[in-house]
Amino acid sequence: MQSEISKQELQHANMNSSLARGALVHISGLLFVFLAQFIGGFLISIYAFMIAASFLLYSQIIIINQKRLVKWERLISSKSNTENTTENDIIKRPFVGSFWFYFAFFITFIIFPLNIASASCAILAVGDCLSGLVGRRFGKHKIIGNKSIEGSVVFLLSSFLVALIFISPLLAIIGAVIAMFVELITEQSLLKRKHANDNLLIPIIISIILYLSALM
């Protein structure tokens, strides 16, 4: 009984730690968006690529060390609990969301106009972060997986408001609605074990749609 409680407490602590790291990454992303207004989208894209590459490299180092540790544990332990599992089942790559977050910034700012890239990345930084915090704390009515009506409403409103800083109200509404649906679709994809990541898809899909809408 005590071990079950300890396991639940550990899972809860890990979830809170992951949520805090995600919030920190999203806040730093918002700072990147505002910095882009002064130094330009190209330089921001270069900085974002460097950070994404750093996350990827660091995660690879962790993976290598974890694989070595697993091999040593299997050699030392006469009765392993992981006999029927592979290393991929045991070892999970860290910082995946952070890598895709900054890689999406790189792609978005280097391809699209500054105002559209800024609005799209700001929607990801603010909407995704606030919806996660509110959804976990107050989300009572689930839609798909961990996504709730409360979190989705916060995502929609916050995305619209932050997008207004960079684009027109009409485009801000379009971007917020599209972003909310992309987030729900990626959640459904993750439930089906398709490795879609909203940190990558949200800003890129929004930017494409906003760019085409602005041309009309």
N, C-alpha and C. Protein backbone atom coordinates (compact mmCIF):
# COMPACT_ATOMS: atom_id res chain seq x y z
N MET A 1 0.83 -1.20 0.00
CA MET A 1 0.00 0.00 0.00
C MET A 1 0.87 1.26 0.00
N GLN A 2 1.90 1.23 0.88
CA GLN A 2 2.79 2.39 0.95
C GLN A 2 3.56 2.58 -0.34
N SER A 3 3.95 1.45 -0.99
CA SER A 3 4.68 1.56 -2.25
C SER A 3 3.82 2.15 -3.34
N GLU A 4 2.50 1.78 -3.33
CA GLU A 4 1.58 2.33 -4.33
C GLU A 4 1.42 3.83 -4.13
N ILE A 5 1.31 4.25 -2.84
CA ILE A 5 1.18 5.68 -2.56
C ILE A 5 2.44 6.42 -2.97
N SER A 6 3.60 5.82 -2.67
CA SER A 6 4.86 6.45 -3.04
C SER A 6 4.99 6.58 -4.55
N LYS A 7 4.53 5.55 -5.27
CA LYS A 7 4.59 5.58 -6.73
C LYS A 7 3.69 6.69 -7.27
N GLN A 8 2.49 6.83 -6.69
CA GLN A 8 1.58 7.88 -7.12
C GLN A 8 2.15 9.26 -6.82
N GLU A 9 2.76 9.41 -5.65
CA GLU A 9 3.37 10.68 -5.30
C GLU A 9 4.53 11.03 -6.24
N LEU A 10 5.31 9.99 -6.60
CA LEU A 10 6.43 10.20 -7.52
C LEU A 10 5.92 10.62 -8.90
N GLN A 11 4.87 9.96 -9.38
CA GLN A 11 4.28 10.31 -10.68
C GLN A 11 3.74 11.73 -10.66
N HIS A 12 3.09 12.10 -9.54
CA HIS A 12 2.55 13.45 -9.41
C HIS A 12 3.66 14.48 -9.40
N ALA A 13 4.75 14.17 -8.68
CA ALA A 13 5.90 15.09 -8.62
C ALA A 13 6.54 15.23 -9.99
N ASN A 14 6.67 14.12 -10.71
CA ASN A 14 7.25 14.17 -12.06
C ASN A 14 6.39 14.99 -13.01
N MET A 15 5.06 14.85 -12.87
CA MET A 15 4.14 15.61 -13.71
C MET A 15 4.25 17.10 -13.44
N ASN A 16 4.32 17.46 -12.15
CA ASN A 16 4.46 18.88 -11.79
C ASN A 16 5.80 19.44 -12.28
N SER A 17 6.85 18.63 -12.16
CA SER A 17 8.17 19.06 -12.63
C SER A 17 8.18 19.27 -14.14
N SER A 18 7.54 18.35 -14.86
CA SER A 18 7.45 18.45 -16.32
C SER A 18 6.65 19.68 -16.73
N LEU A 19 5.56 19.93 -15.99
CA LEU A 19 4.72 21.09 -16.28
C LEU A 19 5.48 22.39 -16.05
N ALA A 20 6.28 22.42 -14.98
CA ALA A 20 7.07 23.62 -14.67
C ALA A 20 8.12 23.87 -15.74
N ARG A 21 8.79 22.80 -16.20
CA ARG A 21 9.78 22.94 -17.27
C ARG A 21 9.13 23.43 -18.55
N GLY A 22 7.96 22.87 -18.86
CA GLY A 22 7.25 23.28 -20.07
C GLY A 22 6.86 24.74 -20.01
N ALA A 23 6.39 25.19 -18.85
CA ALA A 23 5.99 26.59 -18.68
C ALA A 23 7.19 27.51 -18.86
N LEU A 24 8.34 27.09 -18.33
CA LEU A 24 9.56 27.90 -18.45
C LEU A 24 10.00 28.03 -19.91
N VAL A 25 9.91 26.92 -20.65
CA VAL A 25 10.27 26.94 -22.08
C VAL A 25 9.33 27.87 -22.84
N HIS A 26 8.03 27.79 -22.54
CA HIS A 26 7.05 28.63 -23.25
C HIS A 26 7.25 30.11 -22.93
N ILE A 27 7.57 30.42 -21.67
CA ILE A 27 7.82 31.82 -21.31
C ILE A 27 9.04 32.35 -22.04
N SER A 28 10.09 31.55 -22.11
CA SER A 28 11.30 31.97 -22.84
C SER A 28 10.98 32.17 -24.32
N GLY A 29 10.07 31.35 -24.85
CA GLY A 29 9.66 31.51 -26.24
C GLY A 29 8.97 32.84 -26.49
N LEU A 30 8.16 33.27 -25.52
CA LEU A 30 7.48 34.56 -25.66
C LEU A 30 8.50 35.70 -25.66
N LEU A 31 9.53 35.57 -24.85
CA LEU A 31 10.60 36.57 -24.84
C LEU A 31 11.30 36.61 -26.20
N PHE A 32 11.48 35.45 -26.82
CA PHE A 32 12.07 35.37 -28.15
C PHE A 32 11.21 36.13 -29.17
N VAL A 33 9.90 35.98 -29.05
CA VAL A 33 8.98 36.64 -29.98
C VAL A 33 9.13 38.15 -29.89
N PHE A 34 9.17 38.68 -28.68
CA PHE A 34 9.30 40.14 -28.51
C PHE A 34 10.70 40.61 -28.91
N LEU A 35 11.71 39.81 -28.67
CA LEU A 35 13.07 40.17 -29.08
C LEU A 35 13.17 40.24 -30.60
N ALA A 36 12.39 39.41 -31.28
CA ALA A 36 12.41 39.40 -32.75
C ALA A 36 11.95 40.72 -33.34
N GLN A 37 11.14 41.47 -32.60
CA GLN A 37 10.66 42.76 -33.10
C GLN A 37 11.79 43.78 -33.20
N PHE A 38 12.90 43.53 -32.49
CA PHE A 38 14.02 44.46 -32.46
C PHE A 38 15.20 44.00 -33.31
N ILE A 39 15.43 42.68 -33.35
CA ILE A 39 16.61 42.19 -34.08
C ILE A 39 16.25 41.47 -35.37
N GLY A 40 14.95 41.25 -35.61
CA GLY A 40 14.52 40.63 -36.86
C GLY A 40 14.32 39.12 -36.76
N GLY A 41 13.52 38.61 -37.66
CA GLY A 41 13.17 37.19 -37.64
C GLY A 41 14.33 36.27 -38.00
N PHE A 42 15.22 36.74 -38.88
CA PHE A 42 16.31 35.86 -39.31
C PHE A 42 17.24 35.53 -38.15
N LEU A 43 17.65 36.55 -37.39
CA LEU A 43 18.55 36.31 -36.25
C LEU A 43 17.87 35.43 -35.20
N ILE A 44 16.59 35.69 -34.96
CA ILE A 44 15.86 34.88 -33.98
C ILE A 44 15.81 33.42 -34.43
N SER A 45 15.63 33.20 -35.72
CA SER A 45 15.58 31.83 -36.23
C SER A 45 16.91 31.12 -36.01
N ILE A 46 18.02 31.85 -36.17
CA ILE A 46 19.34 31.27 -35.95
C ILE A 46 19.52 30.90 -34.48
N TYR A 47 19.12 31.82 -33.58
CA TYR A 47 19.22 31.54 -32.15
C TYR A 47 18.35 30.35 -31.76
N ALA A 48 17.15 30.30 -32.32
CA ALA A 48 16.23 29.20 -32.01
C ALA A 48 16.80 27.86 -32.48
N PHE A 49 17.43 27.87 -33.67
CA PHE A 49 18.05 26.64 -34.17
C PHE A 49 19.18 26.18 -33.26
N MET A 50 19.97 27.10 -32.76
CA MET A 50 21.06 26.75 -31.87
C MET A 50 20.55 26.14 -30.57
N ILE A 51 19.47 26.70 -30.03
CA ILE A 51 18.90 26.16 -28.79
C ILE A 51 18.30 24.78 -29.04
N ALA A 52 17.60 24.63 -30.18
CA ALA A 52 17.02 23.32 -30.52
C ALA A 52 18.10 22.27 -30.66
N ALA A 53 19.20 22.63 -31.34
CA ALA A 53 20.31 21.70 -31.50
C ALA A 53 20.93 21.33 -30.16
N SER A 54 20.98 22.30 -29.25
CA SER A 54 21.53 22.04 -27.91
C SER A 54 20.67 21.05 -27.15
N PHE A 55 19.36 21.22 -27.23
CA PHE A 55 18.44 20.28 -26.57
C PHE A 55 18.60 18.87 -27.15
N LEU A 56 18.73 18.81 -28.48
CA LEU A 56 18.86 17.51 -29.13
C LEU A 56 20.16 16.82 -28.72
N LEU A 57 21.24 17.57 -28.71
CA LEU A 57 22.54 17.01 -28.33
C LEU A 57 22.53 16.56 -26.87
N TYR A 58 22.00 17.39 -25.99
CA TYR A 58 21.96 17.06 -24.57
C TYR A 58 21.10 15.82 -24.31
N SER A 59 19.97 15.74 -25.01
CA SER A 59 19.10 14.57 -24.84
C SER A 59 19.78 13.30 -25.33
N GLN A 60 20.58 13.42 -26.39
CA GLN A 60 21.30 12.25 -26.91
C GLN A 60 22.35 11.77 -25.92
N ILE A 61 23.02 12.71 -25.26
CA ILE A 61 24.00 12.35 -24.24
C ILE A 61 23.32 11.60 -23.09
N ILE A 62 22.14 12.08 -22.69
CA ILE A 62 21.39 11.42 -21.62
C ILE A 62 20.97 10.02 -22.03
N ILE A 63 20.51 9.87 -23.28
CA ILE A 63 20.11 8.56 -23.78
C ILE A 63 21.27 7.57 -23.75
N ILE A 64 22.44 8.01 -24.20
CA ILE A 64 23.62 7.14 -24.21
C ILE A 64 23.97 6.70 -22.80
N ASN A 65 23.95 7.62 -21.84
CA ASN A 65 24.27 7.29 -20.46
C ASN A 65 23.23 6.35 -19.85
N GLN A 66 21.95 6.57 -20.19
CA GLN A 66 20.90 5.69 -19.68
C GLN A 66 21.03 4.27 -20.23
N LYS A 67 21.41 4.15 -21.49
CA LYS A 67 21.58 2.83 -22.09
C LYS A 67 22.72 2.08 -21.41
N ARG A 68 23.80 2.80 -21.12
CA ARG A 68 24.92 2.17 -20.41
C ARG A 68 24.48 1.70 -19.03
N LEU A 69 23.70 2.54 -18.35
CA LEU A 69 23.23 2.19 -17.01
C LEU A 69 22.34 0.96 -17.04
N VAL A 70 21.44 0.90 -18.02
CA VAL A 70 20.54 -0.26 -18.15
C VAL A 70 21.34 -1.54 -18.41
N LYS A 71 22.34 -1.46 -19.27
CA LYS A 71 23.17 -2.64 -19.56
C LYS A 71 23.90 -3.13 -18.32
N TRP A 72 24.45 -2.20 -17.53
CA TRP A 72 25.14 -2.59 -16.30
C TRP A 72 24.18 -3.19 -15.29
N GLU A 73 22.98 -2.63 -15.19
CA GLU A 73 22.00 -3.17 -14.25
C GLU A 73 21.59 -4.59 -14.63
N ARG A 74 21.48 -4.84 -15.93
CA ARG A 74 21.12 -6.19 -16.38
C ARG A 74 22.24 -7.20 -16.13
N LEU A 75 23.47 -6.71 -16.23
CA LEU A 75 24.61 -7.60 -15.97
C LEU A 75 24.74 -7.92 -14.48
N ILE A 76 24.50 -6.90 -13.66
CA ILE A 76 24.66 -7.08 -12.22
C ILE A 76 23.51 -7.85 -11.61
N SER A 77 22.30 -7.52 -12.05
CA SER A 77 21.11 -8.14 -11.45
C SER A 77 20.91 -9.54 -12.01
N SER A 78 20.72 -10.48 -11.12
CA SER A 78 20.47 -11.87 -11.55
C SER A 78 19.02 -12.06 -11.98
N LYS A 79 18.15 -11.21 -11.49
CA LYS A 79 16.73 -11.31 -11.84
C LYS A 79 16.24 -9.93 -12.22
N SER A 80 16.22 -9.65 -13.48
CA SER A 80 15.84 -8.32 -13.94
C SER A 80 14.34 -8.23 -14.14
N ASN A 81 13.81 -7.07 -13.79
CA ASN A 81 12.38 -6.83 -14.02
C ASN A 81 12.10 -6.40 -15.44
N THR A 82 13.13 -6.24 -16.26
CA THR A 82 12.96 -5.71 -17.61
C THR A 82 13.28 -6.75 -18.66
N GLU A 83 13.12 -8.05 -18.30
CA GLU A 83 13.47 -9.12 -19.23
C GLU A 83 12.60 -9.11 -20.48
N ASN A 84 11.34 -8.72 -20.33
CA ASN A 84 10.41 -8.77 -21.46
C ASN A 84 10.25 -7.42 -22.13
N THR A 85 11.12 -6.50 -21.80
CA THR A 85 11.03 -5.18 -22.41
C THR A 85 12.31 -4.84 -23.13
N THR A 86 12.20 -3.95 -24.08
CA THR A 86 13.37 -3.50 -24.82
C THR A 86 13.88 -2.21 -24.19
N GLU A 87 15.06 -1.79 -24.63
CA GLU A 87 15.63 -0.55 -24.12
C GLU A 87 14.75 0.65 -24.48
N ASN A 88 14.11 0.57 -25.63
CA ASN A 88 13.24 1.67 -26.05
C ASN A 88 12.04 1.82 -25.15
N ASP A 89 11.59 0.69 -24.54
CA ASP A 89 10.48 0.76 -23.61
C ASP A 89 10.90 1.39 -22.29
N ILE A 90 12.15 1.21 -21.93
CA ILE A 90 12.64 1.69 -20.65
C ILE A 90 13.09 3.14 -20.75
N ILE A 91 13.81 3.45 -21.83
CA ILE A 91 14.44 4.76 -21.97
C ILE A 91 13.57 5.66 -22.85
N LYS A 92 13.23 6.79 -22.33
CA LYS A 92 12.47 7.78 -23.07
C LYS A 92 13.34 9.01 -23.30
N ARG A 93 13.33 9.51 -24.52
CA ARG A 93 14.16 10.68 -24.84
C ARG A 93 13.63 11.91 -24.12
N PRO A 94 14.47 12.60 -23.36
CA PRO A 94 14.03 13.81 -22.66
C PRO A 94 14.05 15.03 -23.57
N PHE A 95 13.37 16.07 -23.16
CA PHE A 95 13.37 17.37 -23.84
C PHE A 95 12.86 17.31 -25.27
N VAL A 96 11.99 16.35 -25.57
CA VAL A 96 11.44 16.26 -26.93
C VAL A 96 10.59 17.49 -27.24
N GLY A 97 9.71 17.85 -26.30
CA GLY A 97 8.86 19.02 -26.51
C GLY A 97 9.66 20.31 -26.66
N SER A 98 10.72 20.44 -25.86
CA SER A 98 11.55 21.65 -25.93
C SER A 98 12.28 21.74 -27.27
N PHE A 99 12.75 20.59 -27.77
CA PHE A 99 13.42 20.58 -29.07
C PHE A 99 12.46 21.03 -30.17
N TRP A 100 11.28 20.41 -30.23
CA TRP A 100 10.32 20.76 -31.27
C TRP A 100 9.84 22.20 -31.14
N PHE A 101 9.75 22.70 -29.90
CA PHE A 101 9.32 24.07 -29.66
C PHE A 101 10.25 25.06 -30.37
N TYR A 102 11.55 24.93 -30.10
CA TYR A 102 12.51 25.87 -30.69
C TYR A 102 12.78 25.58 -32.16
N PHE A 103 12.65 24.31 -32.56
CA PHE A 103 12.81 24.00 -33.98
C PHE A 103 11.66 24.62 -34.78
N ALA A 104 10.46 24.62 -34.22
CA ALA A 104 9.31 25.27 -34.86
C ALA A 104 9.53 26.77 -34.97
N PHE A 105 10.14 27.38 -33.94
CA PHE A 105 10.48 28.80 -34.01
C PHE A 105 11.43 29.05 -35.17
N PHE A 106 12.44 28.20 -35.30
CA PHE A 106 13.42 28.33 -36.38
C PHE A 106 12.72 28.29 -37.75
N ILE A 107 11.90 27.29 -37.97
CA ILE A 107 11.20 27.14 -39.26
C ILE A 107 10.28 28.32 -39.53
N THR A 108 9.51 28.70 -38.52
CA THR A 108 8.49 29.74 -38.70
C THR A 108 9.10 31.11 -38.98
N PHE A 109 10.10 31.49 -38.21
CA PHE A 109 10.68 32.83 -38.38
C PHE A 109 11.54 32.95 -39.64
N ILE A 110 12.10 31.83 -40.10
CA ILE A 110 12.96 31.93 -41.29
C ILE A 110 12.15 31.90 -42.58
N ILE A 111 10.90 31.41 -42.53
CA ILE A 111 10.10 31.27 -43.74
C ILE A 111 9.06 32.38 -43.88
N PHE A 112 8.38 32.73 -42.79
CA PHE A 112 7.20 33.59 -42.88
C PHE A 112 7.52 35.03 -42.47
N PRO A 113 6.66 35.99 -42.89
CA PRO A 113 6.84 37.39 -42.49
C PRO A 113 6.86 37.53 -40.97
N LEU A 114 7.52 38.58 -40.49
CA LEU A 114 7.75 38.74 -39.06
C LEU A 114 6.46 38.79 -38.26
N ASN A 115 5.45 39.53 -38.74
CA ASN A 115 4.21 39.65 -37.96
C ASN A 115 3.47 38.31 -37.86
N ILE A 116 3.46 37.55 -38.95
CA ILE A 116 2.76 36.26 -38.93
C ILE A 116 3.53 35.24 -38.09
N ALA A 117 4.84 35.21 -38.24
CA ALA A 117 5.66 34.30 -37.43
C ALA A 117 5.54 34.64 -35.96
N SER A 118 5.53 35.93 -35.65
CA SER A 118 5.43 36.37 -34.26
C SER A 118 4.09 35.97 -33.65
N ALA A 119 3.02 36.20 -34.40
CA ALA A 119 1.68 35.83 -33.90
C ALA A 119 1.57 34.33 -33.68
N SER A 120 2.07 33.55 -34.62
CA SER A 120 1.96 32.09 -34.53
C SER A 120 2.75 31.53 -33.35
N CYS A 121 3.97 32.03 -33.19
CA CYS A 121 4.80 31.54 -32.08
C CYS A 121 4.32 32.06 -30.74
N ALA A 122 3.74 33.26 -30.71
CA ALA A 122 3.17 33.79 -29.47
C ALA A 122 1.96 32.97 -29.05
N ILE A 123 1.17 32.53 -30.02
CA ILE A 123 0.02 31.67 -29.73
C ILE A 123 0.49 30.37 -29.09
N LEU A 124 1.56 29.80 -29.65
CA LEU A 124 2.11 28.57 -29.07
C LEU A 124 2.62 28.83 -27.65
N ALA A 125 3.37 29.92 -27.47
CA ALA A 125 4.00 30.20 -26.18
C ALA A 125 2.96 30.48 -25.09
N VAL A 126 1.95 31.28 -25.42
CA VAL A 126 0.98 31.70 -24.40
C VAL A 126 -0.20 30.72 -24.30
N GLY A 127 -0.82 30.44 -25.45
CA GLY A 127 -2.02 29.60 -25.43
C GLY A 127 -1.76 28.20 -24.93
N ASP A 128 -0.71 27.58 -25.43
CA ASP A 128 -0.40 26.21 -25.04
C ASP A 128 -0.03 26.13 -23.56
N CYS A 129 0.72 27.11 -23.09
CA CYS A 129 1.15 27.13 -21.70
C CYS A 129 -0.03 27.34 -20.75
N LEU A 130 -0.84 28.36 -20.99
CA LEU A 130 -1.96 28.65 -20.10
C LEU A 130 -3.02 27.56 -20.12
N SER A 131 -3.27 26.99 -21.30
CA SER A 131 -4.28 25.92 -21.38
C SER A 131 -3.83 24.70 -20.60
N GLY A 132 -2.52 24.41 -20.61
CA GLY A 132 -2.00 23.28 -19.84
C GLY A 132 -2.13 23.51 -18.35
N LEU A 133 -1.79 24.72 -17.91
CA LEU A 133 -1.87 25.04 -16.48
C LEU A 133 -3.31 25.02 -15.98
N VAL A 134 -4.20 25.67 -16.73
CA VAL A 134 -5.61 25.74 -16.33
C VAL A 134 -6.27 24.37 -16.46
N GLY A 135 -5.95 23.65 -17.55
CA GLY A 135 -6.57 22.35 -17.77
C GLY A 135 -6.24 21.35 -16.68
N ARG A 136 -4.99 21.34 -16.24
CA ARG A 136 -4.59 20.40 -15.18
C ARG A 136 -5.19 20.77 -13.83
N ARG A 137 -5.35 22.07 -13.60
CA ARG A 137 -5.85 22.54 -12.29
C ARG A 137 -7.37 22.57 -12.23
N PHE A 138 -8.03 23.03 -13.29
CA PHE A 138 -9.47 23.25 -13.25
C PHE A 138 -10.24 22.45 -14.29
N GLY A 139 -9.54 21.68 -15.14
CA GLY A 139 -10.23 20.95 -16.20
C GLY A 139 -11.05 19.78 -15.68
N LYS A 140 -12.35 19.94 -15.68
CA LYS A 140 -13.27 18.91 -15.18
C LYS A 140 -13.98 18.17 -16.31
N HIS A 141 -14.13 18.83 -17.44
CA HIS A 141 -14.89 18.26 -18.55
C HIS A 141 -13.93 17.88 -19.68
N LYS A 142 -13.53 16.63 -19.74
CA LYS A 142 -12.55 16.16 -20.70
C LYS A 142 -13.14 16.05 -22.10
N ILE A 143 -12.32 16.39 -23.09
CA ILE A 143 -12.72 16.26 -24.50
C ILE A 143 -11.98 15.08 -25.13
N ILE A 144 -10.66 15.21 -25.19
CA ILE A 144 -9.80 14.16 -25.75
C ILE A 144 -8.60 14.00 -24.83
N GLY A 145 -8.36 12.81 -24.33
CA GLY A 145 -7.20 12.57 -23.47
C GLY A 145 -7.20 13.50 -22.27
N ASN A 146 -6.10 14.28 -22.13
CA ASN A 146 -6.00 15.22 -21.02
C ASN A 146 -6.58 16.59 -21.34
N LYS A 147 -7.04 16.79 -22.56
CA LYS A 147 -7.59 18.09 -22.96
C LYS A 147 -9.01 18.25 -22.43
N SER A 148 -9.29 19.44 -21.89
CA SER A 148 -10.60 19.73 -21.30
C SER A 148 -11.23 20.94 -21.97
N ILE A 149 -12.53 21.10 -21.73
CA ILE A 149 -13.24 22.27 -22.26
C ILE A 149 -12.66 23.54 -21.65
N GLU A 150 -12.38 23.50 -20.34
CA GLU A 150 -11.85 24.68 -19.66
C GLU A 150 -10.49 25.10 -20.24
N GLY A 151 -9.62 24.12 -20.44
CA GLY A 151 -8.31 24.42 -21.01
C GLY A 151 -8.40 24.93 -22.43
N SER A 152 -9.31 24.36 -23.22
CA SER A 152 -9.46 24.78 -24.61
C SER A 152 -10.00 26.19 -24.72
N VAL A 153 -10.93 26.56 -23.83
CA VAL A 153 -11.47 27.93 -23.83
C VAL A 153 -10.37 28.93 -23.49
N VAL A 154 -9.56 28.59 -22.48
CA VAL A 154 -8.44 29.46 -22.12
C VAL A 154 -7.45 29.57 -23.28
N PHE A 155 -7.20 28.45 -23.94
CA PHE A 155 -6.30 28.45 -25.10
C PHE A 155 -6.83 29.40 -26.17
N LEU A 156 -8.11 29.31 -26.49
CA LEU A 156 -8.72 30.14 -27.53
C LEU A 156 -8.63 31.62 -27.19
N LEU A 157 -9.02 31.99 -25.98
CA LEU A 157 -9.06 33.40 -25.58
C LEU A 157 -7.65 33.99 -25.48
N SER A 158 -6.76 33.29 -24.82
CA SER A 158 -5.40 33.81 -24.65
C SER A 158 -4.67 33.90 -25.99
N SER A 159 -4.91 32.93 -26.87
CA SER A 159 -4.28 32.95 -28.20
C SER A 159 -4.76 34.15 -29.01
N PHE A 160 -6.05 34.42 -28.94
CA PHE A 160 -6.62 35.57 -29.66
C PHE A 160 -6.02 36.87 -29.16
N LEU A 161 -5.94 37.02 -27.84
CA LEU A 161 -5.46 38.27 -27.25
C LEU A 161 -3.99 38.52 -27.57
N VAL A 162 -3.16 37.49 -27.47
CA VAL A 162 -1.74 37.70 -27.74
C VAL A 162 -1.47 37.90 -29.22
N ALA A 163 -2.28 37.27 -30.07
CA ALA A 163 -2.10 37.44 -31.52
C ALA A 163 -2.46 38.85 -31.97
N LEU A 164 -3.37 39.51 -31.24
CA LEU A 164 -3.78 40.88 -31.57
C LEU A 164 -2.61 41.85 -31.55
N ILE A 165 -1.57 41.53 -30.81
CA ILE A 165 -0.40 42.42 -30.73
C ILE A 165 0.29 42.53 -32.10
N PHE A 166 0.17 41.49 -32.92
CA PHE A 166 0.96 41.40 -34.15
C PHE A 166 0.12 41.43 -35.43
N ILE A 167 -1.14 41.01 -35.37
CA ILE A 167 -1.96 40.91 -36.58
C ILE A 167 -3.36 41.48 -36.33
N SER A 168 -4.15 41.56 -37.39
CA SER A 168 -5.49 42.13 -37.29
C SER A 168 -6.42 41.22 -36.50
N PRO A 169 -7.54 41.76 -35.97
CA PRO A 169 -8.49 40.95 -35.20
C PRO A 169 -9.02 39.74 -35.97
N LEU A 170 -9.30 39.92 -37.27
CA LEU A 170 -9.81 38.81 -38.06
C LEU A 170 -8.79 37.67 -38.14
N LEU A 171 -7.54 38.03 -38.46
CA LEU A 171 -6.49 37.01 -38.53
C LEU A 171 -6.22 36.39 -37.17
N ALA A 172 -6.35 37.19 -36.11
CA ALA A 172 -6.14 36.68 -34.75
C ALA A 172 -7.18 35.63 -34.40
N ILE A 173 -8.42 35.87 -34.79
CA ILE A 173 -9.50 34.90 -34.55
C ILE A 173 -9.21 33.61 -35.32
N ILE A 174 -8.84 33.76 -36.59
CA ILE A 174 -8.54 32.59 -37.42
C ILE A 174 -7.40 31.78 -36.79
N GLY A 175 -6.34 32.48 -36.41
CA GLY A 175 -5.19 31.79 -35.83
C GLY A 175 -5.52 31.08 -34.54
N ALA A 176 -6.30 31.71 -33.67
CA ALA A 176 -6.66 31.12 -32.38
C ALA A 176 -7.52 29.87 -32.56
N VAL A 177 -8.49 29.95 -33.45
CA VAL A 177 -9.39 28.80 -33.69
C VAL A 177 -8.61 27.63 -34.29
N ILE A 178 -7.80 27.92 -35.30
CA ILE A 178 -7.00 26.87 -35.94
C ILE A 178 -6.06 26.22 -34.93
N ALA A 179 -5.42 27.05 -34.10
CA ALA A 179 -4.48 26.52 -33.11
C ALA A 179 -5.18 25.60 -32.12
N MET A 180 -6.38 25.97 -31.68
CA MET A 180 -7.12 25.14 -30.74
C MET A 180 -7.43 23.78 -31.34
N PHE A 181 -7.85 23.76 -32.59
CA PHE A 181 -8.18 22.49 -33.25
C PHE A 181 -6.92 21.66 -33.51
N VAL A 182 -5.82 22.30 -33.86
CA VAL A 182 -4.57 21.56 -34.07
C VAL A 182 -4.13 20.89 -32.78
N GLU A 183 -4.27 21.61 -31.66
CA GLU A 183 -3.90 21.04 -30.37
C GLU A 183 -4.74 19.80 -30.04
N LEU A 184 -6.03 19.87 -30.32
CA LEU A 184 -6.91 18.72 -30.07
C LEU A 184 -6.59 17.56 -31.01
N ILE A 185 -6.29 17.88 -32.26
CA ILE A 185 -5.97 16.83 -33.24
C ILE A 185 -4.67 16.12 -32.86
N THR A 186 -3.66 16.89 -32.44
CA THR A 186 -2.40 16.26 -32.05
C THR A 186 -2.57 15.42 -30.80
N GLU A 187 -3.45 15.82 -29.89
CA GLU A 187 -3.72 15.00 -28.71
C GLU A 187 -4.33 13.67 -29.12
N GLN A 188 -5.25 13.71 -30.08
CA GLN A 188 -5.86 12.47 -30.59
C GLN A 188 -4.80 11.61 -31.28
N SER A 189 -3.89 12.23 -32.01
CA SER A 189 -2.83 11.49 -32.68
C SER A 189 -1.91 10.82 -31.68
N LEU A 190 -1.60 11.53 -30.59
CA LEU A 190 -0.74 10.95 -29.56
C LEU A 190 -1.41 9.77 -28.89
N LEU A 191 -2.74 9.86 -28.71
CA LEU A 191 -3.46 8.74 -28.11
C LEU A 191 -3.39 7.51 -28.99
N LYS A 192 -3.30 7.72 -30.29
CA LYS A 192 -3.20 6.60 -31.24
C LYS A 192 -1.74 6.21 -31.50
N ARG A 193 -0.82 6.77 -30.67
CA ARG A 193 0.61 6.48 -30.75
C ARG A 193 1.25 6.95 -32.06
N LYS A 194 0.65 7.98 -32.66
CA LYS A 194 1.31 8.65 -33.77
C LYS A 194 2.03 9.85 -33.17
N HIS A 195 3.30 10.00 -33.48
CA HIS A 195 4.12 10.95 -32.74
C HIS A 195 3.99 12.37 -33.29
N ALA A 196 2.77 12.88 -33.29
CA ALA A 196 2.54 14.27 -33.65
C ALA A 196 2.88 15.14 -32.45
N ASN A 197 3.42 16.31 -32.68
CA ASN A 197 3.80 17.19 -31.58
C ASN A 197 3.23 18.58 -31.83
N ASP A 198 2.40 19.06 -30.91
CA ASP A 198 1.76 20.35 -31.12
C ASP A 198 2.75 21.50 -31.09
N ASN A 199 3.88 21.33 -30.40
CA ASN A 199 4.90 22.38 -30.40
C ASN A 199 5.45 22.65 -31.79
N LEU A 200 5.46 21.63 -32.63
CA LEU A 200 5.92 21.79 -34.01
C LEU A 200 4.78 22.21 -34.93
N LEU A 201 3.63 21.55 -34.79
CA LEU A 201 2.55 21.74 -35.76
C LEU A 201 1.80 23.05 -35.59
N ILE A 202 1.58 23.49 -34.35
CA ILE A 202 0.76 24.68 -34.13
C ILE A 202 1.32 25.91 -34.85
N PRO A 203 2.56 26.32 -34.62
CA PRO A 203 3.02 27.55 -35.29
C PRO A 203 3.15 27.43 -36.80
N ILE A 204 3.53 26.26 -37.28
CA ILE A 204 3.72 26.10 -38.73
C ILE A 204 2.38 26.11 -39.46
N ILE A 205 1.42 25.36 -38.95
CA ILE A 205 0.09 25.32 -39.59
C ILE A 205 -0.59 26.68 -39.51
N ILE A 206 -0.51 27.34 -38.35
CA ILE A 206 -1.11 28.67 -38.21
C ILE A 206 -0.46 29.64 -39.20
N SER A 207 0.85 29.61 -39.30
CA SER A 207 1.55 30.53 -40.19
C SER A 207 1.13 30.34 -41.64
N ILE A 208 1.00 29.09 -42.06
CA ILE A 208 0.57 28.81 -43.44
C ILE A 208 -0.82 29.39 -43.69
N ILE A 209 -1.74 29.13 -42.77
CA ILE A 209 -3.12 29.58 -42.95
C ILE A 209 -3.21 31.10 -42.87
N LEU A 210 -2.51 31.71 -41.93
CA LEU A 210 -2.54 33.17 -41.81
C LEU A 210 -1.91 33.84 -43.02
N TYR A 211 -0.84 33.27 -43.54
CA TYR A 211 -0.19 33.83 -44.72
C TYR A 211 -1.12 33.79 -45.93
N LEU A 212 -1.79 32.65 -46.12
CA LEU A 212 -2.73 32.52 -47.24
C LEU A 212 -3.93 33.43 -47.04
N SER A 213 -4.41 33.56 -45.78
CA SER A 213 -5.56 34.43 -45.50
C SER A 213 -5.22 35.90 -45.74
N ALA A 214 -3.99 36.29 -45.42
CA ALA A 214 -3.57 37.67 -45.62
C ALA A 214 -3.46 38.03 -47.09
N LEU A 215 -3.25 37.02 -47.95
CA LEU A 215 -3.14 37.27 -49.40
C LEU A 215 -4.50 37.47 -50.04
N MET A 216 -5.56 37.02 -49.37
CA MET A 216 -6.91 37.10 -49.97
C MET A 216 -7.48 38.52 -49.86
